[in-house]
Structure formats: structure tokens, C-alpha cells
Amino acid sequence: MTARSGEAFGTGRAVLDTEALLAGPVPATGPTVDEGEPDTGEWSATAGEGFRIVPLWESGDLIGVYEREWEEAEEAASGHLADLVGELDRRWGAHRAAGMRVPIFRDLAGEPLPPLYRALCDKDCLGDLAVWGPVDGRWVAVSLNQCDGDAPMILVAVVADRPIVELDDAE
């Protein structure tokens, strides 16, 4: 669960949260650290060498949700991502995609990953990234994620002080 559990999605709020993330601090060095809400411990951010990840929205619980109801939930979540990407494209220009296939396979094989991709895999944020940058000297990405069919869908934003690039099979 994230600190965004139970909140309704709003494109305007998601844009504002993404812009606040872009303007906020990003550690230049250091270990990757998860942050949680003081009262509940729900995930509110992850920060590490050159990046910060925050949840923007979390769907409702999908345990026991099947067929058409699950498809509707998936369509709604995909629509939220599309609305956010569309608004950020209007502000910052066309995004580019950075797939998560290579990081996922490297993670499964126990191979090393750059800190940002390690953190995304560790948080089960395995959805492909829509990336903009540089924007004010930083790179921004958003993705929609679900670690399994019963888990909530989570929309996250990433800001990095270095380029967010798709990893190559040969790297």
C-alpha cells in the first residue's frame, strides 16, 4: 500500500505533484531509502543516488475482482496514465519510452542494475516509463504498475538528476 491509497485520481493534482517532485531535492549520492507515512508506514517515496520516486495514485484493492470489473479497473488506470502523459507532453514536449524488460530480466537473473532501476524493481514498479528531459536540468518519468493481478495499480513519478535511458541488452 502507498500513502495514496484511497485517494481519487485527478490529472491536475498528479501534474502538480510531478512538478513539485521536479523542483524538490534529489540526493546526489548515498544508499536507496524508502520513506513511509509516520502513522501508517505506507510507502510515500524512495530516494537514492540521483533519483526520487513517489506514488501519485493507487487504485482500490483488486482482490476478488475478475473479468469485466477487473478490465474496467485496468482501463481506468490506463486512462489516468494517458491523461497525465498527455498533459505533461503539452507542457514539456513529446515523451520517449524507456522499457522495463531488460531491468526485469536482469533483476530476475540477480544481475546488477543502476540504482534507479534497482529501486523500481524493488518497489515492483515494472511498468514501462514515459520520460521527458531534460526539464529544468532533470529528467522526469511516469509509469503505471501492478505487481500481480490482485494488487492495486499504482501510478508513480520519477525525477532524476541524470538521464533516464532504456537499458540495452548488451550493457
N, C-alpha and C. Protein backbone atom coordinates (compact mmCIF):
# COMPACT_ATOMS: atom_id res chain seq x y z
N MET A 1 0.84 -1.18 0.00
CA MET A 1 0.00 0.00 0.00
C MET A 1 0.89 1.24 0.00
N THR A 2 0.35 2.27 -0.65
CA THR A 2 1.06 3.54 -0.71
C THR A 2 0.32 4.57 0.12
N ALA A 3 0.96 5.69 0.31
CA ALA A 3 0.33 6.80 1.02
C ALA A 3 -0.82 7.39 0.20
N ARG A 4 -0.97 6.98 -1.05
CA ARG A 4 -2.04 7.50 -1.92
C ARG A 4 -3.26 6.59 -1.94
N SER A 5 -3.25 5.53 -1.17
CA SER A 5 -4.37 4.60 -1.13
C SER A 5 -5.65 5.33 -0.74
N GLY A 6 -6.70 5.09 -1.50
CA GLY A 6 -8.00 5.68 -1.18
C GLY A 6 -8.24 7.06 -1.77
N GLU A 7 -7.23 7.67 -2.38
CA GLU A 7 -7.40 8.99 -2.99
C GLU A 7 -7.94 8.85 -4.41
N ALA A 8 -8.84 9.73 -4.78
CA ALA A 8 -9.33 9.76 -6.16
C ALA A 8 -8.23 10.33 -7.05
N PHE A 9 -8.18 9.86 -8.30
CA PHE A 9 -7.20 10.40 -9.23
C PHE A 9 -7.68 11.73 -9.77
N GLY A 10 -6.75 12.66 -9.90
CA GLY A 10 -7.01 13.93 -10.56
C GLY A 10 -5.78 14.30 -11.38
N THR A 11 -5.97 14.54 -12.67
CA THR A 11 -4.83 14.87 -13.52
C THR A 11 -4.12 16.12 -13.02
N GLY A 12 -4.88 17.13 -12.66
CA GLY A 12 -4.28 18.38 -12.18
C GLY A 12 -3.42 18.16 -10.95
N ARG A 13 -3.92 17.38 -10.00
CA ARG A 13 -3.13 17.09 -8.80
C ARG A 13 -1.89 16.29 -9.15
N ALA A 14 -2.01 15.31 -10.04
CA ALA A 14 -0.86 14.50 -10.44
C ALA A 14 0.20 15.35 -11.12
N VAL A 15 -0.22 16.32 -11.94
CA VAL A 15 0.73 17.22 -12.58
C VAL A 15 1.42 18.08 -11.53
N LEU A 16 0.65 18.64 -10.60
CA LEU A 16 1.24 19.46 -9.54
C LEU A 16 2.23 18.65 -8.70
N ASP A 17 1.87 17.41 -8.38
CA ASP A 17 2.77 16.56 -7.59
C ASP A 17 4.04 16.25 -8.37
N THR A 18 3.91 16.03 -9.67
CA THR A 18 5.07 15.76 -10.51
C THR A 18 5.97 16.99 -10.60
N GLU A 19 5.36 18.16 -10.76
CA GLU A 19 6.14 19.40 -10.80
C GLU A 19 6.83 19.67 -9.46
N ALA A 20 6.16 19.37 -8.35
CA ALA A 20 6.79 19.53 -7.03
C ALA A 20 7.97 18.57 -6.88
N LEU A 21 7.81 17.36 -7.38
CA LEU A 21 8.90 16.39 -7.35
C LEU A 21 10.08 16.91 -8.17
N LEU A 22 9.80 17.47 -9.33
CA LEU A 22 10.84 18.02 -10.19
C LEU A 22 11.61 19.14 -9.49
N ALA A 23 10.91 19.96 -8.72
CA ALA A 23 11.53 21.11 -8.05
C ALA A 23 12.20 20.73 -6.72
N GLY A 24 11.91 19.55 -6.21
CA GLY A 24 12.41 19.14 -4.90
C GLY A 24 13.80 18.56 -4.93
N PRO A 25 14.29 18.20 -3.73
CA PRO A 25 15.64 17.67 -3.62
C PRO A 25 15.77 16.25 -4.17
N VAL A 26 16.95 15.96 -4.70
CA VAL A 26 17.32 14.62 -5.16
C VAL A 26 18.72 14.37 -4.62
N PRO A 27 18.92 13.28 -3.87
CA PRO A 27 20.26 13.02 -3.33
C PRO A 27 21.26 12.72 -4.45
N ALA A 28 22.42 13.34 -4.37
CA ALA A 28 23.46 13.11 -5.37
C ALA A 28 24.14 11.76 -5.16
N THR A 29 24.24 11.35 -3.92
CA THR A 29 24.90 10.08 -3.58
C THR A 29 24.13 9.43 -2.44
N GLY A 30 24.60 8.28 -2.04
CA GLY A 30 24.04 7.63 -0.87
C GLY A 30 23.22 6.41 -1.20
N PRO A 31 22.81 5.70 -0.16
CA PRO A 31 22.03 4.49 -0.35
C PRO A 31 20.59 4.81 -0.74
N THR A 32 19.90 3.84 -1.28
CA THR A 32 18.49 3.98 -1.60
C THR A 32 17.68 3.74 -0.33
N VAL A 33 16.77 4.67 -0.06
CA VAL A 33 16.00 4.63 1.18
C VAL A 33 14.52 4.83 0.86
N ASP A 34 13.67 3.96 1.43
CA ASP A 34 12.22 4.11 1.32
C ASP A 34 11.74 5.01 2.44
N GLU A 35 10.73 5.81 2.13
CA GLU A 35 10.09 6.66 3.13
C GLU A 35 8.65 6.22 3.27
N GLY A 36 8.13 6.32 4.50
CA GLY A 36 6.75 5.94 4.76
C GLY A 36 6.04 6.97 5.60
N GLU A 37 4.73 6.90 5.57
CA GLU A 37 3.92 7.80 6.39
C GLU A 37 4.17 7.47 7.86
N PRO A 38 4.35 8.49 8.70
CA PRO A 38 4.68 8.24 10.11
C PRO A 38 3.62 7.41 10.85
N ASP A 39 2.35 7.64 10.55
CA ASP A 39 1.29 6.94 11.29
C ASP A 39 1.02 5.54 10.78
N THR A 40 1.14 5.33 9.46
CA THR A 40 0.74 4.05 8.87
C THR A 40 1.90 3.24 8.31
N GLY A 41 3.01 3.90 8.01
CA GLY A 41 4.13 3.22 7.38
C GLY A 41 3.95 3.00 5.90
N GLU A 42 2.84 3.46 5.33
CA GLU A 42 2.59 3.28 3.90
C GLU A 42 3.64 4.02 3.09
N TRP A 43 4.06 3.41 1.98
CA TRP A 43 5.13 3.95 1.15
C TRP A 43 4.75 5.31 0.60
N SER A 44 5.63 6.30 0.80
CA SER A 44 5.40 7.65 0.29
C SER A 44 6.49 8.12 -0.66
N ALA A 45 7.67 7.50 -0.64
CA ALA A 45 8.74 7.89 -1.55
C ALA A 45 9.90 6.92 -1.41
N THR A 46 10.74 6.90 -2.43
CA THR A 46 12.02 6.21 -2.40
C THR A 46 13.03 7.16 -3.01
N ALA A 47 14.15 7.35 -2.34
CA ALA A 47 15.20 8.24 -2.84
C ALA A 47 16.52 7.50 -2.81
N GLY A 48 17.33 7.76 -3.80
CA GLY A 48 18.65 7.15 -3.89
C GLY A 48 19.56 7.99 -4.74
N GLU A 49 20.69 7.43 -5.07
CA GLU A 49 21.72 8.15 -5.82
C GLU A 49 21.17 8.72 -7.13
N GLY A 50 20.87 10.04 -7.10
CA GLY A 50 20.45 10.74 -8.30
C GLY A 50 18.98 10.66 -8.65
N PHE A 51 18.11 10.13 -7.79
CA PHE A 51 16.70 9.99 -8.14
C PHE A 51 15.78 10.04 -6.92
N ARG A 52 14.51 10.23 -7.22
CA ARG A 52 13.45 10.15 -6.23
C ARG A 52 12.22 9.61 -6.95
N ILE A 53 11.51 8.68 -6.32
CA ILE A 53 10.29 8.06 -6.85
C ILE A 53 9.17 8.32 -5.85
N VAL A 54 8.00 8.73 -6.34
CA VAL A 54 6.84 8.91 -5.47
C VAL A 54 5.60 8.31 -6.11
N PRO A 55 4.72 7.75 -5.30
CA PRO A 55 3.43 7.32 -5.83
C PRO A 55 2.54 8.54 -6.06
N LEU A 56 1.84 8.55 -7.18
CA LEU A 56 0.90 9.63 -7.48
C LEU A 56 -0.54 9.21 -7.24
N TRP A 57 -0.81 7.92 -7.41
CA TRP A 57 -2.18 7.40 -7.27
C TRP A 57 -2.10 5.89 -7.08
N GLU A 58 -3.06 5.35 -6.34
CA GLU A 58 -3.18 3.90 -6.16
C GLU A 58 -4.64 3.52 -6.31
N SER A 59 -4.90 2.50 -7.11
CA SER A 59 -6.28 2.04 -7.30
C SER A 59 -6.77 1.36 -6.03
N GLY A 60 -8.03 1.02 -6.04
CA GLY A 60 -8.57 0.24 -4.95
C GLY A 60 -8.03 -1.18 -4.98
N ASP A 61 -8.29 -1.90 -3.93
CA ASP A 61 -7.88 -3.30 -3.81
C ASP A 61 -8.57 -4.12 -4.89
N LEU A 62 -7.82 -4.99 -5.56
CA LEU A 62 -8.38 -5.80 -6.63
C LEU A 62 -8.52 -7.28 -6.27
N ILE A 63 -8.41 -7.60 -5.00
CA ILE A 63 -8.60 -8.99 -4.56
C ILE A 63 -10.06 -9.37 -4.79
N GLY A 64 -10.26 -10.46 -5.49
CA GLY A 64 -11.60 -10.93 -5.80
C GLY A 64 -12.27 -10.20 -6.95
N VAL A 65 -11.53 -9.35 -7.65
CA VAL A 65 -12.07 -8.62 -8.80
C VAL A 65 -11.63 -9.36 -10.06
N TYR A 66 -12.60 -9.75 -10.88
CA TYR A 66 -12.30 -10.54 -12.07
C TYR A 66 -13.08 -10.04 -13.27
N GLU A 67 -12.70 -10.55 -14.41
CA GLU A 67 -13.36 -10.36 -15.69
C GLU A 67 -13.64 -8.90 -15.97
N ARG A 68 -14.88 -8.54 -16.27
CA ARG A 68 -15.22 -7.19 -16.74
C ARG A 68 -14.86 -6.13 -15.69
N GLU A 69 -15.11 -6.40 -14.43
CA GLU A 69 -14.80 -5.42 -13.38
C GLU A 69 -13.29 -5.14 -13.33
N TRP A 70 -12.47 -6.20 -13.49
CA TRP A 70 -11.01 -6.01 -13.50
C TRP A 70 -10.59 -5.25 -14.75
N GLU A 71 -11.18 -5.58 -15.90
CA GLU A 71 -10.87 -4.88 -17.14
C GLU A 71 -11.22 -3.40 -17.03
N GLU A 72 -12.34 -3.08 -16.39
CA GLU A 72 -12.73 -1.69 -16.19
C GLU A 72 -11.72 -0.96 -15.30
N ALA A 73 -11.26 -1.63 -14.26
CA ALA A 73 -10.25 -1.02 -13.37
C ALA A 73 -8.95 -0.78 -14.14
N GLU A 74 -8.56 -1.74 -14.96
CA GLU A 74 -7.34 -1.57 -15.76
C GLU A 74 -7.50 -0.44 -16.78
N GLU A 75 -8.65 -0.37 -17.42
CA GLU A 75 -8.91 0.70 -18.39
C GLU A 75 -8.88 2.07 -17.70
N ALA A 76 -9.47 2.17 -16.51
CA ALA A 76 -9.47 3.44 -15.78
C ALA A 76 -8.04 3.85 -15.43
N ALA A 77 -7.25 2.91 -14.94
CA ALA A 77 -5.85 3.21 -14.56
C ALA A 77 -5.05 3.62 -15.80
N SER A 78 -5.22 2.90 -16.90
CA SER A 78 -4.52 3.26 -18.14
C SER A 78 -4.96 4.64 -18.62
N GLY A 79 -6.22 4.96 -18.43
CA GLY A 79 -6.72 6.28 -18.79
C GLY A 79 -6.09 7.38 -17.95
N HIS A 80 -5.90 7.11 -16.66
CA HIS A 80 -5.22 8.08 -15.78
C HIS A 80 -3.80 8.34 -16.29
N LEU A 81 -3.08 7.26 -16.62
CA LEU A 81 -1.73 7.42 -17.14
C LEU A 81 -1.75 8.22 -18.44
N ALA A 82 -2.66 7.89 -19.35
CA ALA A 82 -2.74 8.59 -20.64
C ALA A 82 -3.05 10.07 -20.44
N ASP A 83 -3.95 10.38 -19.51
CA ASP A 83 -4.28 11.79 -19.24
C ASP A 83 -3.06 12.53 -18.71
N LEU A 84 -2.34 11.91 -17.77
CA LEU A 84 -1.16 12.55 -17.20
C LEU A 84 -0.07 12.73 -18.26
N VAL A 85 0.20 11.69 -19.03
CA VAL A 85 1.21 11.77 -20.08
C VAL A 85 0.82 12.85 -21.10
N GLY A 86 -0.44 12.90 -21.47
CA GLY A 86 -0.89 13.91 -22.41
C GLY A 86 -0.65 15.33 -21.90
N GLU A 87 -0.96 15.56 -20.63
CA GLU A 87 -0.75 16.89 -20.05
C GLU A 87 0.74 17.22 -19.95
N LEU A 88 1.55 16.25 -19.56
CA LEU A 88 2.99 16.51 -19.47
C LEU A 88 3.61 16.70 -20.85
N ASP A 89 3.09 15.99 -21.86
CA ASP A 89 3.54 16.21 -23.24
C ASP A 89 3.23 17.65 -23.66
N ARG A 90 2.07 18.16 -23.30
CA ARG A 90 1.72 19.54 -23.65
C ARG A 90 2.67 20.54 -22.98
N ARG A 91 3.11 20.24 -21.78
CA ARG A 91 3.98 21.15 -21.04
C ARG A 91 5.44 21.04 -21.47
N TRP A 92 5.91 19.82 -21.69
CA TRP A 92 7.35 19.58 -21.87
C TRP A 92 7.73 19.02 -23.23
N GLY A 93 6.78 18.83 -24.10
CA GLY A 93 7.07 18.22 -25.40
C GLY A 93 6.87 16.71 -25.33
N ALA A 94 6.99 16.10 -26.47
CA ALA A 94 6.74 14.65 -26.57
C ALA A 94 7.69 13.86 -25.68
N HIS A 95 7.13 12.88 -25.01
CA HIS A 95 7.94 11.97 -24.18
C HIS A 95 8.58 10.91 -25.06
N ARG A 96 9.50 10.19 -24.49
CA ARG A 96 10.04 8.99 -25.14
C ARG A 96 9.84 7.84 -24.15
N ALA A 97 9.83 6.65 -24.68
CA ALA A 97 9.61 5.46 -23.84
C ALA A 97 10.93 4.86 -23.41
N ALA A 98 10.96 4.37 -22.19
CA ALA A 98 12.07 3.57 -21.68
C ALA A 98 11.46 2.30 -21.11
N GLY A 99 11.67 1.20 -21.81
CA GLY A 99 11.09 -0.08 -21.42
C GLY A 99 11.74 -0.66 -20.17
N MET A 100 11.00 -1.48 -19.49
CA MET A 100 11.50 -2.13 -18.27
C MET A 100 11.84 -3.60 -18.49
N ARG A 101 11.75 -4.09 -19.72
CA ARG A 101 12.02 -5.51 -19.99
C ARG A 101 13.42 -5.92 -19.55
N VAL A 102 14.44 -5.15 -19.95
CA VAL A 102 15.82 -5.51 -19.60
C VAL A 102 16.05 -5.45 -18.08
N PRO A 103 15.61 -4.38 -17.38
CA PRO A 103 15.79 -4.38 -15.93
C PRO A 103 15.09 -5.54 -15.23
N ILE A 104 13.90 -5.89 -15.72
CA ILE A 104 13.17 -7.01 -15.10
C ILE A 104 13.97 -8.31 -15.25
N PHE A 105 14.46 -8.58 -16.45
CA PHE A 105 15.22 -9.82 -16.67
C PHE A 105 16.53 -9.81 -15.90
N ARG A 106 17.19 -8.66 -15.82
CA ARG A 106 18.42 -8.59 -15.04
C ARG A 106 18.14 -8.81 -13.56
N ASP A 107 17.04 -8.24 -13.09
CA ASP A 107 16.65 -8.44 -11.69
C ASP A 107 16.39 -9.91 -11.41
N LEU A 108 15.64 -10.56 -12.28
CA LEU A 108 15.34 -11.99 -12.11
C LEU A 108 16.60 -12.84 -12.13
N ALA A 109 17.61 -12.41 -12.90
CA ALA A 109 18.87 -13.15 -13.01
C ALA A 109 19.84 -12.79 -11.88
N GLY A 110 19.45 -11.84 -11.02
CA GLY A 110 20.34 -11.44 -9.94
C GLY A 110 21.51 -10.59 -10.39
N GLU A 111 21.40 -9.99 -11.57
CA GLU A 111 22.48 -9.16 -12.10
C GLU A 111 22.38 -7.74 -11.54
N PRO A 112 23.49 -7.02 -11.52
CA PRO A 112 23.46 -5.65 -11.01
C PRO A 112 22.65 -4.73 -11.92
N LEU A 113 22.06 -3.70 -11.30
CA LEU A 113 21.29 -2.70 -12.02
C LEU A 113 21.69 -1.31 -11.53
N PRO A 114 21.57 -0.30 -12.37
CA PRO A 114 21.77 1.07 -11.87
C PRO A 114 20.79 1.33 -10.73
N PRO A 115 21.14 2.20 -9.79
CA PRO A 115 20.31 2.41 -8.59
C PRO A 115 18.84 2.72 -8.88
N LEU A 116 18.55 3.56 -9.88
CA LEU A 116 17.15 3.87 -10.18
C LEU A 116 16.39 2.62 -10.59
N TYR A 117 16.95 1.83 -11.49
CA TYR A 117 16.26 0.63 -11.94
C TYR A 117 16.18 -0.43 -10.84
N ARG A 118 17.17 -0.50 -9.98
CA ARG A 118 17.11 -1.42 -8.83
C ARG A 118 15.94 -1.02 -7.94
N ALA A 119 15.80 0.29 -7.66
CA ALA A 119 14.71 0.77 -6.80
C ALA A 119 13.36 0.50 -7.44
N LEU A 120 13.22 0.74 -8.74
CA LEU A 120 11.95 0.47 -9.42
C LEU A 120 11.59 -1.01 -9.32
N CYS A 121 12.56 -1.89 -9.55
CA CYS A 121 12.29 -3.32 -9.44
C CYS A 121 11.95 -3.71 -8.01
N ASP A 122 12.66 -3.16 -7.05
CA ASP A 122 12.41 -3.49 -5.64
C ASP A 122 11.02 -3.05 -5.19
N LYS A 123 10.49 -1.98 -5.78
CA LYS A 123 9.15 -1.49 -5.42
C LYS A 123 8.08 -2.09 -6.33
N ASP A 124 8.44 -3.05 -7.17
CA ASP A 124 7.51 -3.65 -8.13
C ASP A 124 6.93 -2.63 -9.09
N CYS A 125 7.69 -1.61 -9.39
CA CYS A 125 7.31 -0.60 -10.39
C CYS A 125 7.92 -1.03 -11.71
N LEU A 126 7.24 -1.96 -12.36
CA LEU A 126 7.79 -2.63 -13.52
C LEU A 126 7.19 -2.17 -14.84
N GLY A 127 6.33 -1.17 -14.79
CA GLY A 127 5.72 -0.63 -16.00
C GLY A 127 6.72 0.21 -16.79
N ASP A 128 6.59 0.17 -18.11
CA ASP A 128 7.46 0.99 -18.95
C ASP A 128 7.32 2.46 -18.57
N LEU A 129 8.41 3.20 -18.74
CA LEU A 129 8.46 4.60 -18.34
C LEU A 129 8.19 5.52 -19.53
N ALA A 130 7.39 6.56 -19.30
CA ALA A 130 7.28 7.69 -20.23
C ALA A 130 8.23 8.74 -19.68
N VAL A 131 9.21 9.17 -20.48
CA VAL A 131 10.31 10.01 -19.99
C VAL A 131 10.36 11.34 -20.73
N TRP A 132 10.62 12.40 -19.97
CA TRP A 132 10.86 13.74 -20.51
C TRP A 132 12.20 14.22 -19.98
N GLY A 133 12.89 15.00 -20.77
CA GLY A 133 14.09 15.59 -20.24
C GLY A 133 15.11 15.92 -21.30
N PRO A 134 15.98 16.81 -20.93
CA PRO A 134 15.97 17.45 -19.61
C PRO A 134 14.88 18.51 -19.49
N VAL A 135 14.29 18.57 -18.31
CA VAL A 135 13.33 19.59 -17.92
C VAL A 135 13.95 20.29 -16.72
N ASP A 136 14.28 21.54 -16.87
CA ASP A 136 14.95 22.29 -15.80
C ASP A 136 16.19 21.54 -15.29
N GLY A 137 16.92 20.91 -16.23
CA GLY A 137 18.15 20.22 -15.87
C GLY A 137 17.97 18.83 -15.28
N ARG A 138 16.76 18.34 -15.27
CA ARG A 138 16.48 17.00 -14.72
C ARG A 138 15.66 16.19 -15.71
N TRP A 139 15.50 14.90 -15.39
CA TRP A 139 14.69 14.00 -16.20
C TRP A 139 13.52 13.54 -15.34
N VAL A 140 12.36 13.43 -15.97
CA VAL A 140 11.12 13.06 -15.29
C VAL A 140 10.53 11.87 -16.02
N ALA A 141 9.95 10.94 -15.27
CA ALA A 141 9.27 9.79 -15.87
C ALA A 141 8.04 9.46 -15.04
N VAL A 142 7.07 8.84 -15.70
CA VAL A 142 5.89 8.31 -15.02
C VAL A 142 5.64 6.91 -15.55
N SER A 143 5.02 6.09 -14.71
CA SER A 143 4.66 4.74 -15.15
C SER A 143 3.48 4.22 -14.35
N LEU A 144 2.78 3.27 -14.94
CA LEU A 144 1.67 2.57 -14.29
C LEU A 144 2.15 1.17 -13.98
N ASN A 145 1.89 0.71 -12.77
CA ASN A 145 2.47 -0.54 -12.30
C ASN A 145 1.45 -1.39 -11.57
N GLN A 146 1.65 -2.71 -11.67
CA GLN A 146 0.87 -3.66 -10.90
C GLN A 146 1.73 -4.91 -10.76
N CYS A 147 2.00 -5.31 -9.53
CA CYS A 147 2.92 -6.44 -9.33
C CYS A 147 2.27 -7.79 -9.56
N ASP A 148 0.95 -7.90 -9.40
CA ASP A 148 0.23 -9.11 -9.78
C ASP A 148 -1.24 -8.76 -9.94
N GLY A 149 -2.03 -9.69 -10.42
CA GLY A 149 -3.42 -9.41 -10.78
C GLY A 149 -4.32 -8.97 -9.66
N ASP A 150 -3.99 -9.29 -8.41
CA ASP A 150 -4.81 -8.88 -7.27
C ASP A 150 -4.34 -7.58 -6.63
N ALA A 151 -3.13 -7.16 -6.94
CA ALA A 151 -2.55 -5.98 -6.31
C ALA A 151 -3.14 -4.71 -6.91
N PRO A 152 -3.17 -3.65 -6.12
CA PRO A 152 -3.63 -2.37 -6.69
C PRO A 152 -2.71 -1.91 -7.81
N MET A 153 -3.25 -1.10 -8.69
CA MET A 153 -2.44 -0.47 -9.74
C MET A 153 -1.91 0.84 -9.14
N ILE A 154 -0.65 1.12 -9.43
CA ILE A 154 0.00 2.29 -8.83
C ILE A 154 0.64 3.12 -9.94
N LEU A 155 0.31 4.41 -9.94
CA LEU A 155 0.92 5.36 -10.86
C LEU A 155 2.02 6.08 -10.09
N VAL A 156 3.24 6.05 -10.65
CA VAL A 156 4.37 6.69 -9.97
C VAL A 156 5.03 7.72 -10.87
N ALA A 157 5.73 8.65 -10.21
CA ALA A 157 6.56 9.63 -10.91
C ALA A 157 7.98 9.48 -10.41
N VAL A 158 8.93 9.73 -11.31
CA VAL A 158 10.35 9.65 -11.02
C VAL A 158 10.99 10.96 -11.44
N VAL A 159 11.92 11.46 -10.66
CA VAL A 159 12.76 12.56 -11.10
C VAL A 159 14.21 12.12 -10.88
N ALA A 160 15.06 12.48 -11.83
CA ALA A 160 16.48 12.09 -11.74
C ALA A 160 17.36 13.26 -12.17
N ASP A 161 18.53 13.31 -11.57
CA ASP A 161 19.47 14.37 -11.94
C ASP A 161 20.40 13.93 -13.07
N ARG A 162 20.13 12.77 -13.64
CA ARG A 162 20.88 12.24 -14.77
C ARG A 162 19.89 11.62 -15.75
N PRO A 163 20.28 11.43 -17.01
CA PRO A 163 19.34 10.91 -17.99
C PRO A 163 18.74 9.55 -17.58
N ILE A 164 17.45 9.44 -17.82
CA ILE A 164 16.75 8.16 -17.66
C ILE A 164 16.71 7.55 -19.05
N VAL A 165 17.47 6.49 -19.24
CA VAL A 165 17.58 5.85 -20.54
C VAL A 165 17.16 4.39 -20.46
N GLU A 166 16.71 3.88 -21.58
CA GLU A 166 16.36 2.47 -21.64
C GLU A 166 17.64 1.66 -21.62
N LEU A 167 17.69 0.66 -20.75
CA LEU A 167 18.87 -0.19 -20.66
C LEU A 167 18.94 -1.10 -21.89
N ASP A 168 20.13 -1.33 -22.35
CA ASP A 168 20.38 -2.16 -23.52
C ASP A 168 20.67 -3.58 -23.06
N ASP A 169 20.27 -4.56 -23.86
CA ASP A 169 20.55 -5.97 -23.54
C ASP A 169 22.04 -6.23 -23.35
N ALA A 170 22.86 -5.49 -24.08
CA ALA A 170 24.31 -5.75 -24.06
C ALA A 170 25.03 -5.06 -22.91
N GLU A 171 24.35 -4.14 -22.22
CA GLU A 171 25.05 -3.40 -21.13
C GLU A 171 25.32 -4.29 -19.95
